[in-house]
Amino acid sequence: MIKLLRANFARLWKSKPLWICAILTLVYAAVDFDTSWIYNTGSAIIKGGSNSIMFAAVFASLFLGTDYSYGTIRNKLAVGHSRTNVYLSSLITAISGTLIIGIAYTVPSVFKAIVWGKELGMPIGEFILDILILVCAMIAMSAIFTLLGMLITEKALTTTITIVLSIVLLIGSAVLLEFLNQPKEVTYAEVTADGGTPETLTEPNPMYIGEGLKRDIMTAITDVLPGGQIMHLEANQRQNYPLHNPELYPLYSLGAIVVITAAGIVIFRRKDLK
């Protein structure tokens, strides 16, 4: 395992996809002047999760796909490394690259936030929990990237599926959160017939999802999936949407990492690499 990690990290530091994605992430953060809600360092750091994950998906798919393109995986197995160790070393490398890209977004974001706000902007306990949730969710996303990268032999197909799945996880979760946070009632002003003072009316919101199985399922999806957790954090910072049992999110991510990695190893050990 140590030799595999040394070889992977040596290639990681020279990886063009990693540094291109990291630089693009950094530039994106530097030119993003959305000051309407990035008013503190806490928000800036948290925002880095959702905005850097797409770049991380591109990096991971290209980096892992290269192993098949160059026949590196077969060479690793030929010299005696086990498939389990090959898979785990690839996972650790993908996680490292993903976190590097996340940090690349955070650096200019924090700099701008300090200039604008100069404060953390939230209780220290909440900030630490949010960071833990974000890091665990990004690691879980890396586990998904690794699963795809190690099981799909064509690099172009790996990249396409990884990016599409990332978009689905993030945007799909954002849509679900919009439904879950709809108010029970909506209020609007209606002008009277005589043109007098507008009358304020309240009526049930047809988009509101009440308590029941449907809401429970949608809540579970956004709570358990790493993309949902990342969008939960962003929605909480942007629109003050409440988090649902946030202390459980890292445990959900840990469970997802274990299940996804175990499934990936089982399938990879049976995969025909000829």
C-alpha atoms as a PDB file:
ATOM      1  CA  MET A   1       0.000   0.000   0.000  1.00  0.00           C
ATOM      2  CA  ILE A   2       2.797   2.448   0.907  1.00  0.00           C
ATOM      3  CA  LYS A   3       4.498   1.953  -2.452  1.00  0.00           C
ATOM      4  CA  LEU A   4       1.202   2.456  -4.257  1.00  0.00           C
ATOM      5  CA  LEU A   5       0.527   5.671  -2.371  1.00  0.00           C
ATOM      6  CA  ARG A   6       4.016   6.971  -3.063  1.00  0.00           C
ATOM      7  CA  ALA A   7       3.577   6.312  -6.768  1.00  0.00           C
ATOM      8  CA  ASN A   8       0.082   7.842  -6.801  1.00  0.00           C
ATOM      9  CA  PHE A   9       1.122  10.986  -4.946  1.00  0.00           C
ATOM     10  CA  ALA A  10       4.181  11.401  -7.128  1.00  0.00           C
ATOM     11  CA  ARG A  11       1.844  11.374 -10.129  1.00  0.00           C
ATOM     12  CA  LEU A  12      -0.685  13.562  -8.310  1.00  0.00           C
ATOM     13  CA  TRP A  13       1.774  16.430  -7.811  1.00  0.00           C
ATOM     14  CA  LYS A  14       2.593  16.305 -11.522  1.00  0.00           C
ATOM     15  CA  SER A  15      -1.029  15.893 -12.599  1.00  0.00           C
ATOM     16  CA  LYS A  16      -2.122  18.578 -15.067  1.00  0.00           C
ATOM     17  CA  PRO A  17      -5.854  17.912 -14.425  1.00  0.00           C
ATOM     18  CA  LEU A  18      -5.334  18.572 -10.696  1.00  0.00           C
ATOM     19  CA  TRP A  19      -3.525  21.871 -11.067  1.00  0.00           C
ATOM     20  CA  ILE A  20      -5.675  23.076 -13.950  1.00  0.00           C
ATOM     21  CA  CYS A  21      -8.830  22.372 -11.919  1.00  0.00           C
ATOM     22  CA  ALA A  22      -7.285  23.935  -8.807  1.00  0.00           C
ATOM     23  CA  ILE A  23      -6.285  27.077 -10.716  1.00  0.00           C
ATOM     24  CA  LEU A  24      -9.696  27.356 -12.379  1.00  0.00           C
ATOM     25  CA  THR A  25     -11.328  26.950  -8.974  1.00  0.00           C
ATOM     26  CA  LEU A  26      -9.105  29.629  -7.484  1.00  0.00           C
ATOM     27  CA  VAL A  27      -9.816  32.029 -10.369  1.00  0.00           C
ATOM     28  CA  TYR A  28     -13.550  31.357 -10.106  1.00  0.00           C
ATOM     29  CA  ALA A  29     -13.443  32.184  -6.397  1.00  0.00           C
ATOM     30  CA  ALA A  30     -11.380  35.316  -7.025  1.00  0.00           C
ATOM     31  CA  VAL A  31     -13.781  36.772  -9.609  1.00  0.00           C
ATOM     32  CA  ASP A  32     -16.951  35.772  -7.763  1.00  0.00           C
ATOM     33  CA  PHE A  33     -18.108  39.076  -6.274  1.00  0.00           C
ATOM     34  CA  ASP A  34     -21.454  37.920  -4.936  1.00  0.00           C
ATOM     35  CA  THR A  35     -21.321  40.070  -1.804  1.00  0.00           C
ATOM     36  CA  SER A  36     -25.022  39.643  -1.076  1.00  0.00           C
ATOM     37  CA  TRP A  37     -24.429  36.682   1.187  1.00  0.00           C
ATOM     38  CA  ILE A  38     -20.657  36.105   1.425  1.00  0.00           C
ATOM     39  CA  TYR A  39     -20.372  38.435   4.368  1.00  0.00           C
ATOM     40  CA  ASN A  40     -18.081  36.415   6.619  1.00  0.00           C
ATOM     41  CA  THR A  41     -15.292  33.864   6.559  1.00  0.00           C
ATOM     42  CA  GLY A  42     -17.619  31.063   7.660  1.00  0.00           C
ATOM     43  CA  SER A  43     -19.890  31.486   4.652  1.00  0.00           C
ATOM     44  CA  ALA A  44     -16.918  31.787   2.299  1.00  0.00           C
ATOM     45  CA  ILE A  45     -15.432  28.488   3.423  1.00  0.00           C
ATOM     46  CA  ILE A  46     -18.747  26.656   3.272  1.00  0.00           C
ATOM     47  CA  LYS A  47     -19.531  27.991  -0.188  1.00  0.00           C
ATOM     48  CA  GLY A  48     -16.309  26.420  -1.435  1.00  0.00           C
ATOM     49  CA  GLY A  49     -17.825  22.951  -1.135  1.00  0.00           C
ATOM     50  CA  SER A  50     -20.555  23.258  -3.749  1.00  0.00           C
ATOM     51  CA  ASN A  51     -18.544  25.439  -6.111  1.00  0.00           C
ATOM     52  CA  SER A  52     -15.412  23.293  -6.120  1.00  0.00           C
ATOM     53  CA  ILE A  53     -17.023  19.849  -6.294  1.00  0.00           C
ATOM     54  CA  MET A  54     -17.583  20.048 -10.062  1.00  0.00           C
ATOM     55  CA  PHE A  55     -13.902  20.785 -10.652  1.00  0.00           C
ATOM     56  CA  ALA A  56     -13.058  17.907  -8.315  1.00  0.00           C
ATOM     57  CA  ALA A  57     -15.271  15.597 -10.383  1.00  0.00           C
ATOM     58  CA  VAL A  58     -13.386  16.540 -13.559  1.00  0.00           C
ATOM     59  CA  PHE A  59     -10.019  15.993 -11.887  1.00  0.00           C
ATOM     60  CA  ALA A  60     -10.909  12.619 -10.367  1.00  0.00           C
ATOM     61  CA  SER A  61     -12.397  11.217 -13.566  1.00  0.00           C
ATOM     62  CA  LEU A  62      -9.395  12.249 -15.672  1.00  0.00           C
ATOM     63  CA  PHE A  63      -6.826  11.172 -13.084  1.00  0.00           C
ATOM     64  CA  LEU A  64      -8.358   7.744 -12.456  1.00  0.00           C
ATOM     65  CA  GLY A  65      -9.266   7.211 -16.099  1.00  0.00           C
ATOM     66  CA  THR A  66      -5.625   7.627 -17.072  1.00  0.00           C
ATOM     67  CA  ASP A  67      -4.767   4.444 -15.159  1.00  0.00           C
ATOM     68  CA  TYR A  68      -6.791   2.451 -17.671  1.00  0.00           C
ATOM     69  CA  SER A  69      -5.642   4.436 -20.694  1.00  0.00           C
ATOM     70  CA  TYR A  70      -1.955   3.814 -19.912  1.00  0.00           C
ATOM     71  CA  GLY A  71      -2.425   0.296 -18.559  1.00  0.00           C
ATOM     72  CA  THR A  72      -1.153   1.400 -15.137  1.00  0.00           C
ATOM     73  CA  ILE A  73      -3.666  -0.682 -13.204  1.00  0.00           C
ATOM     74  CA  ARG A  74      -2.647  -3.902 -14.941  1.00  0.00           C
ATOM     75  CA  ASN A  75       1.003  -3.084 -14.261  1.00  0.00           C
ATOM     76  CA  LYS A  76       0.285  -2.580 -10.548  1.00  0.00           C
ATOM     77  CA  LEU A  77      -1.434  -5.949 -10.360  1.00  0.00           C
ATOM     78  CA  ALA A  78       1.301  -7.624 -12.386  1.00  0.00           C
ATOM     79  CA  VAL A  79       3.983  -6.690  -9.838  1.00  0.00           C
ATOM     80  CA  GLY A  80       1.978  -8.236  -6.996  1.00  0.00           C
ATOM     81  CA  HIS A  81      -0.246  -5.524  -5.532  1.00  0.00           C
ATOM     82  CA  SER A  82      -3.685  -6.686  -4.452  1.00  0.00           C
ATOM     83  CA  ARG A  83      -6.797  -5.248  -6.074  1.00  0.00           C
ATOM     84  CA  THR A  84      -8.021  -4.053  -2.690  1.00  0.00           C
ATOM     85  CA  ASN A  85      -4.852  -2.037  -2.113  1.00  0.00           C
ATOM     86  CA  VAL A  86      -4.958  -0.642  -5.642  1.00  0.00           C
ATOM     87  CA  TYR A  87      -8.539   0.506  -5.108  1.00  0.00           C
ATOM     88  CA  LEU A  88      -7.891   2.006  -1.657  1.00  0.00           C
ATOM     89  CA  SER A  89      -4.759   3.843  -2.807  1.00  0.00           C
ATOM     90  CA  SER A  90      -6.747   5.348  -5.680  1.00  0.00           C
ATOM     91  CA  LEU A  91      -9.471   6.400  -3.226  1.00  0.00           C
ATOM     92  CA  ILE A  92      -6.981   8.126  -0.911  1.00  0.00           C
ATOM     93  CA  THR A  93      -5.410   9.927  -3.867  1.00  0.00           C
ATOM     94  CA  ALA A  94      -8.790  11.063  -5.189  1.00  0.00           C
ATOM     95  CA  ILE A  95      -9.751  12.344  -1.727  1.00  0.00           C
ATOM     96  CA  SER A  96      -6.489  14.293  -1.487  1.00  0.00           C
ATOM     97  CA  GLY A  97      -7.009  15.914  -4.891  1.00  0.00           C
ATOM     98  CA  THR A  98     -10.606  16.809  -4.060  1.00  0.00           C
ATOM     99  CA  LEU A  99      -9.597  18.492  -0.801  1.00  0.00           C
ATOM    100  CA  ILE A 100      -6.768  20.391  -2.522  1.00  0.00           C
ATOM    101  CA  ILE A 101      -9.261  21.778  -5.034  1.00  0.00           C
ATOM    102  CA  GLY A 102     -11.626  22.699  -2.199  1.00  0.00           C
ATOM    103  CA  ILE A 103      -8.826  24.575  -0.436  1.00  0.00           C
ATOM    104  CA  ALA A 104      -8.009  26.369  -3.699  1.00  0.00           C
ATOM    105  CA  TYR A 105     -11.509  27.867  -3.649  1.00  0.00           C
ATOM    106  CA  THR A 106     -11.327  28.694   0.038  1.00  0.00           C
ATOM    107  CA  VAL A 107      -8.141  30.790  -0.023  1.00  0.00           C
ATOM    108  CA  PRO A 108      -9.366  33.769  -2.098  1.00  0.00           C
ATOM    109  CA  SER A 109     -12.872  33.428  -0.637  1.00  0.00           C
ATOM    110  CA  VAL A 110     -11.585  33.792   2.908  1.00  0.00           C
ATOM    111  CA  PHE A 111      -9.377  36.697   1.850  1.00  0.00           C
ATOM    112  CA  LYS A 112     -12.349  38.555   0.391  1.00  0.00           C
ATOM    113  CA  ALA A 113     -14.532  37.695   3.367  1.00  0.00           C
ATOM    114  CA  ILE A 114     -11.946  39.061   5.789  1.00  0.00           C
ATOM    115  CA  VAL A 115     -11.744  42.275   3.775  1.00  0.00           C
ATOM    116  CA  TRP A 116     -15.541  42.629   3.766  1.00  0.00           C
ATOM    117  CA  GLY A 117     -16.580  41.287   7.149  1.00  0.00           C
ATOM    118  CA  LYS A 118     -13.470  40.609   9.266  1.00  0.00           C
ATOM    119  CA  GLU A 119     -15.520  38.245  11.416  1.00  0.00           C
ATOM    120  CA  LEU A 120     -16.343  34.545  11.461  1.00  0.00           C
ATOM    121  CA  GLY A 121     -20.029  35.441  11.310  1.00  0.00           C
ATOM    122  CA  MET A 122     -21.332  32.419  13.219  1.00  0.00           C
ATOM    123  CA  PRO A 123     -20.832  30.639  16.569  1.00  0.00           C
ATOM    124  CA  ILE A 124     -17.555  28.716  16.662  1.00  0.00           C
ATOM    125  CA  GLY A 125     -19.349  25.437  17.444  1.00  0.00           C
ATOM    126  CA  GLU A 126     -21.618  25.816  14.427  1.00  0.00           C
ATOM    127  CA  PHE A 127     -18.644  26.682  12.230  1.00  0.00           C
ATOM    128  CA  ILE A 128     -16.668  23.605  13.306  1.00  0.00           C
ATOM    129  CA  LEU A 129     -19.687  21.350  12.724  1.00  0.00           C
ATOM    130  CA  ASP A 130     -20.275  22.858   9.274  1.00  0.00           C
ATOM    131  CA  ILE A 131     -16.627  22.318   8.317  1.00  0.00           C
ATOM    132  CA  LEU A 132     -16.813  18.706   9.525  1.00  0.00           C
ATOM    133  CA  ILE A 133     -19.991  18.149   7.493  1.00  0.00           C
ATOM    134  CA  LEU A 134     -18.428  19.727   4.401  1.00  0.00           C
ATOM    135  CA  VAL A 135     -15.189  17.749   4.571  1.00  0.00           C
ATOM    136  CA  CYS A 136     -16.987  14.449   5.184  1.00  0.00           C
ATOM    137  CA  ALA A 137     -19.412  15.137   2.319  1.00  0.00           C
ATOM    138  CA  MET A 138     -16.544  15.946  -0.065  1.00  0.00           C
ATOM    139  CA  ILE A 139     -14.780  12.733   0.947  1.00  0.00           C
ATOM    140  CA  ALA A 140     -18.009  10.811   0.290  1.00  0.00           C
ATOM    141  CA  MET A 141     -18.235  12.458  -3.142  1.00  0.00           C
ATOM    142  CA  SER A 142     -14.631  11.344  -3.747  1.00  0.00           C
ATOM    143  CA  ALA A 143     -15.695   7.784  -2.916  1.00  0.00           C
ATOM    144  CA  ILE A 144     -18.340   8.049  -5.643  1.00  0.00           C
ATOM    145  CA  PHE A 145     -15.779   9.441  -8.106  1.00  0.00           C
ATOM    146  CA  THR A 146     -13.413   6.576  -7.265  1.00  0.00           C
ATOM    147  CA  LEU A 147     -16.136   3.975  -7.728  1.00  0.00           C
ATOM    148  CA  LEU A 148     -16.853   5.270 -11.232  1.00  0.00           C
ATOM    149  CA  GLY A 149     -13.205   5.790 -12.121  1.00  0.00           C
ATOM    150  CA  MET A 150     -12.154   2.297 -11.065  1.00  0.00           C
ATOM    151  CA  LEU A 151     -15.033   0.433 -12.684  1.00  0.00           C
ATOM    152  CA  ILE A 152     -15.347   2.242 -16.029  1.00  0.00           C
ATOM    153  CA  THR A 153     -12.431   1.578 -18.354  1.00  0.00           C
ATOM    154  CA  GLU A 154     -13.047   4.370 -20.902  1.00  0.00           C
ATOM    155  CA  LYS A 155     -11.771   7.742 -19.670  1.00  0.00           C
ATOM    156  CA  ALA A 156     -14.180   9.822 -21.749  1.00  0.00           C
ATOM    157  CA  LEU A 157     -17.149   7.823 -20.474  1.00  0.00           C
ATOM    158  CA  THR A 158     -15.883   8.064 -16.898  1.00  0.00           C
ATOM    159  CA  THR A 159     -15.599  11.849 -17.158  1.00  0.00           C
ATOM    160  CA  THR A 160     -19.058  12.236 -18.673  1.00  0.00           C
ATOM    161  CA  ILE A 161     -20.826  10.025 -16.136  1.00  0.00           C
ATOM    162  CA  THR A 162     -18.960  11.538 -13.180  1.00  0.00           C
ATOM    163  CA  ILE A 163     -19.806  15.115 -14.150  1.00  0.00           C
ATOM    164  CA  VAL A 164     -23.441  14.303 -14.933  1.00  0.00           C
ATOM    165  CA  LEU A 165     -23.880  12.423 -11.660  1.00  0.00           C
ATOM    166  CA  SER A 166     -22.332  15.307  -9.710  1.00  0.00           C
ATOM    167  CA  ILE A 167     -24.744  17.742 -11.334  1.00  0.00           C
ATOM    168  CA  VAL A 168     -27.693  15.474 -10.560  1.00  0.00           C
ATOM    169  CA  LEU A 169     -26.658  15.090  -6.914  1.00  0.00           C
ATOM    170  CA  LEU A 170     -26.182  18.831  -6.387  1.00  0.00           C
ATOM    171  CA  ILE A 171     -28.975  20.341  -8.475  1.00  0.00           C
ATOM    172  CA  GLY A 172     -31.399  17.543  -7.625  1.00  0.00           C
ATOM    173  CA  SER A 173     -30.777  18.116  -3.923  1.00  0.00           C
ATOM    174  CA  ALA A 174     -31.220  21.884  -4.363  1.00  0.00           C
ATOM    175  CA  VAL A 175     -34.604  21.323  -6.018  1.00  0.00           C
ATOM    176  CA  LEU A 176     -35.728  18.997  -3.236  1.00  0.00           C
ATOM    177  CA  LEU A 177     -34.685  21.553  -0.630  1.00  0.00           C
ATOM    178  CA  GLU A 178     -36.725  24.237  -2.366  1.00  0.00           C
ATOM    179  CA  PHE A 179     -39.804  22.023  -2.070  1.00  0.00           C
ATOM    180  CA  LEU A 180     -39.071  21.058   1.535  1.00  0.00           C
ATOM    181  CA  ASN A 181     -38.700  24.682   2.595  1.00  0.00           C
ATOM    182  CA  GLN A 182     -41.865  25.967   0.989  1.00  0.00           C
ATOM    183  CA  PRO A 183     -44.072  27.835   3.520  1.00  0.00           C
ATOM    184  CA  LYS A 184     -47.389  26.329   4.523  1.00  0.00           C
ATOM    185  CA  GLU A 185     -49.222  29.478   3.514  1.00  0.00           C
ATOM    186  CA  VAL A 186     -48.526  32.311   1.079  1.00  0.00           C
ATOM    187  CA  THR A 187     -49.447  35.937   1.582  1.00  0.00           C
ATOM    188  CA  TYR A 188     -50.126  38.398  -1.205  1.00  0.00           C
ATOM    189  CA  ALA A 189     -51.695  41.810  -1.668  1.00  0.00           C
ATOM    190  CA  GLU A 190     -54.854  42.242  -3.745  1.00  0.00           C
ATOM    191  CA  VAL A 191     -56.009  45.629  -4.953  1.00  0.00           C
ATOM    192  CA  THR A 192     -59.638  46.358  -4.058  1.00  0.00           C
ATOM    193  CA  ALA A 193     -62.225  47.216  -6.701  1.00  0.00           C
ATOM    194  CA  ASP A 194     -62.424  50.855  -5.613  1.00  0.00           C
ATOM    195  CA  GLY A 195     -58.655  51.259  -5.878  1.00  0.00           C
ATOM    196  CA  GLY A 196     -58.199  51.745  -2.162  1.00  0.00           C
ATOM    197  CA  THR A 197     -55.635  50.245   0.168  1.00  0.00           C
ATOM    198  CA  PRO A 198     -54.502  46.790  -1.058  1.00  0.00           C
ATOM    199  CA  GLU A 199     -55.969  43.961   0.966  1.00  0.00           C
ATOM    200  CA  THR A 200     -53.566  41.367   2.365  1.00  0.00           C
ATOM    201  CA  LEU A 201     -54.751  37.831   1.720  1.00  0.00           C
ATOM    202  CA  THR A 202     -53.398  34.505   2.954  1.00  0.00           C
ATOM    203  CA  GLU A 203     -54.081  31.152   1.359  1.00  0.00           C
ATOM    204  CA  PRO A 204     -52.622  27.623   1.471  1.00  0.00           C
ATOM    205  CA  ASN A 205     -49.450  27.133  -0.570  1.00  0.00           C
ATOM    206  CA  PRO A 206     -50.116  24.425  -3.202  1.00  0.00           C
ATOM    207  CA  MET A 207     -46.375  23.629  -3.312  1.00  0.00           C
ATOM    208  CA  TYR A 208     -46.152  22.970   0.423  1.00  0.00           C
ATOM    209  CA  ILE A 209     -45.325  19.364   1.305  1.00  0.00           C
ATOM    210  CA  GLY A 210     -46.953  18.401   4.579  1.00  0.00           C
ATOM    211  CA  GLU A 211     -45.879  15.810   7.104  1.00  0.00           C
ATOM    212  CA  GLY A 212     -46.000  12.284   5.776  1.00  0.00           C
ATOM    213  CA  LEU A 213     -44.125   9.626   3.834  1.00  0.00           C
ATOM    214  CA  LYS A 214     -43.349  11.880   0.865  1.00  0.00           C
ATOM    215  CA  ARG A 215     -41.706  14.506   3.036  1.00  0.00           C
ATOM    216  CA  ASP A 216     -39.836  11.882   5.049  1.00  0.00           C
ATOM    217  CA  ILE A 217     -38.387  10.342   1.872  1.00  0.00           C
ATOM    218  CA  MET A 218     -37.328  13.697   0.435  1.00  0.00           C
ATOM    219  CA  THR A 219     -35.774  14.692   3.756  1.00  0.00           C
ATOM    220  CA  ALA A 220     -33.861  11.410   4.005  1.00  0.00           C
ATOM    221  CA  ILE A 221     -32.490  11.840   0.470  1.00  0.00           C
ATOM    222  CA  THR A 222     -31.156  15.342   1.127  1.00  0.00           C
ATOM    223  CA  ASP A 223     -29.809  14.377   4.563  1.00  0.00           C
ATOM    224  CA  VAL A 224     -28.018  11.167   3.598  1.00  0.00           C
ATOM    225  CA  LEU A 225     -26.604  11.952   0.144  1.00  0.00           C
ATOM    226  CA  PRO A 226     -23.329  13.961   0.247  1.00  0.00           C
ATOM    227  CA  GLY A 227     -24.583  16.271  -2.505  1.00  0.00           C
ATOM    228  CA  GLY A 228     -27.656  16.990  -0.405  1.00  0.00           C
ATOM    229  CA  GLN A 229     -25.534  17.814   2.638  1.00  0.00           C
ATOM    230  CA  ILE A 230     -23.407  20.243   0.630  1.00  0.00           C
ATOM    231  CA  MET A 231     -26.499  21.995  -0.726  1.00  0.00           C
ATOM    232  CA  HIS A 232     -28.027  21.987   2.770  1.00  0.00           C
ATOM    233  CA  LEU A 233     -25.038  23.973   4.027  1.00  0.00           C
ATOM    234  CA  GLU A 234     -25.191  26.436   1.152  1.00  0.00           C
ATOM    235  CA  ALA A 235     -28.952  26.930   1.507  1.00  0.00           C
ATOM    236  CA  ASN A 236     -28.503  27.480   5.234  1.00  0.00           C
ATOM    237  CA  GLN A 237     -25.938  30.217   4.564  1.00  0.00           C
ATOM    238  CA  ARG A 238     -27.717  31.776   1.587  1.00  0.00           C
ATOM    239  CA  GLN A 239     -31.377  31.638   2.650  1.00  0.00           C
ATOM    240  CA  ASN A 240     -31.158  30.588   6.284  1.00  0.00           C
ATOM    241  CA  TYR A 241     -32.858  27.266   5.561  1.00  0.00           C
ATOM    242  CA  PRO A 242     -32.743  25.143   8.735  1.00  0.00           C
ATOM    243  CA  LEU A 243     -30.531  22.060   8.886  1.00  0.00           C
ATOM    244  CA  HIS A 244     -32.256  18.809   9.831  1.00  0.00           C
ATOM    245  CA  ASN A 245     -30.250  17.008  12.543  1.00  0.00           C
ATOM    246  CA  PRO A 246     -26.887  18.320  11.212  1.00  0.00           C
ATOM    247  CA  GLU A 247     -24.928  16.460  13.893  1.00  0.00           C
ATOM    248  CA  LEU A 248     -25.845  13.223  12.087  1.00  0.00           C
ATOM    249  CA  TYR A 249     -24.568  14.335   8.675  1.00  0.00           C
ATOM    250  CA  PRO A 250     -20.931  13.244   9.225  1.00  0.00           C
ATOM    251  CA  LEU A 251     -22.191   9.812  10.296  1.00  0.00           C
ATOM    252  CA  TYR A 252     -24.294   9.568   7.131  1.00  0.00           C
ATOM    253  CA  SER A 253     -21.239  10.465   5.054  1.00  0.00           C
ATOM    254  CA  LEU A 254     -19.112   7.925   6.896  1.00  0.00           C
ATOM    255  CA  GLY A 255     -21.733   5.264   6.224  1.00  0.00           C
ATOM    256  CA  ALA A 256     -21.863   6.244   2.549  1.00  0.00           C
ATOM    257  CA  ILE A 257     -18.063   6.061   2.288  1.00  0.00           C
ATOM    258  CA  VAL A 258     -17.990   2.585   3.820  1.00  0.00           C
ATOM    259  CA  VAL A 259     -20.836   1.219   1.680  1.00  0.00           C
ATOM    260  CA  ILE A 260     -19.623   2.761  -1.588  1.00  0.00           C
ATOM    261  CA  THR A 261     -16.013   1.701  -1.001  1.00  0.00           C
ATOM    262  CA  ALA A 262     -16.948  -1.833   0.025  1.00  0.00           C
ATOM    263  CA  ALA A 263     -19.161  -2.218  -3.045  1.00  0.00           C
ATOM    264  CA  GLY A 264     -16.432  -0.789  -5.267  1.00  0.00           C
ATOM    265  CA  ILE A 265     -13.797  -3.175  -3.916  1.00  0.00           C
ATOM    266  CA  VAL A 266     -16.070  -6.216  -4.339  1.00  0.00           C
ATOM    267  CA  ILE A 267     -16.889  -5.309  -7.938  1.00  0.00           C
ATOM    268  CA  PHE A 268     -13.304  -4.305  -8.778  1.00  0.00           C
ATOM    269  CA  ARG A 269     -11.947  -7.609  -7.464  1.00  0.00           C
ATOM    270  CA  ARG A 270     -14.221  -9.439  -9.900  1.00  0.00           C
ATOM    271  CA  LYS A 271     -13.672  -7.085 -12.840  1.00  0.00           C
ATOM    272  CA  ASP A 272     -12.024  -8.486 -15.943  1.00  0.00           C
ATOM    273  CA  LEU A 273      -9.086  -6.185 -16.719  1.00  0.00           C
ATOM    274  CA  LYS A 274      -7.847  -8.006 -19.795  1.00  0.00           C
END
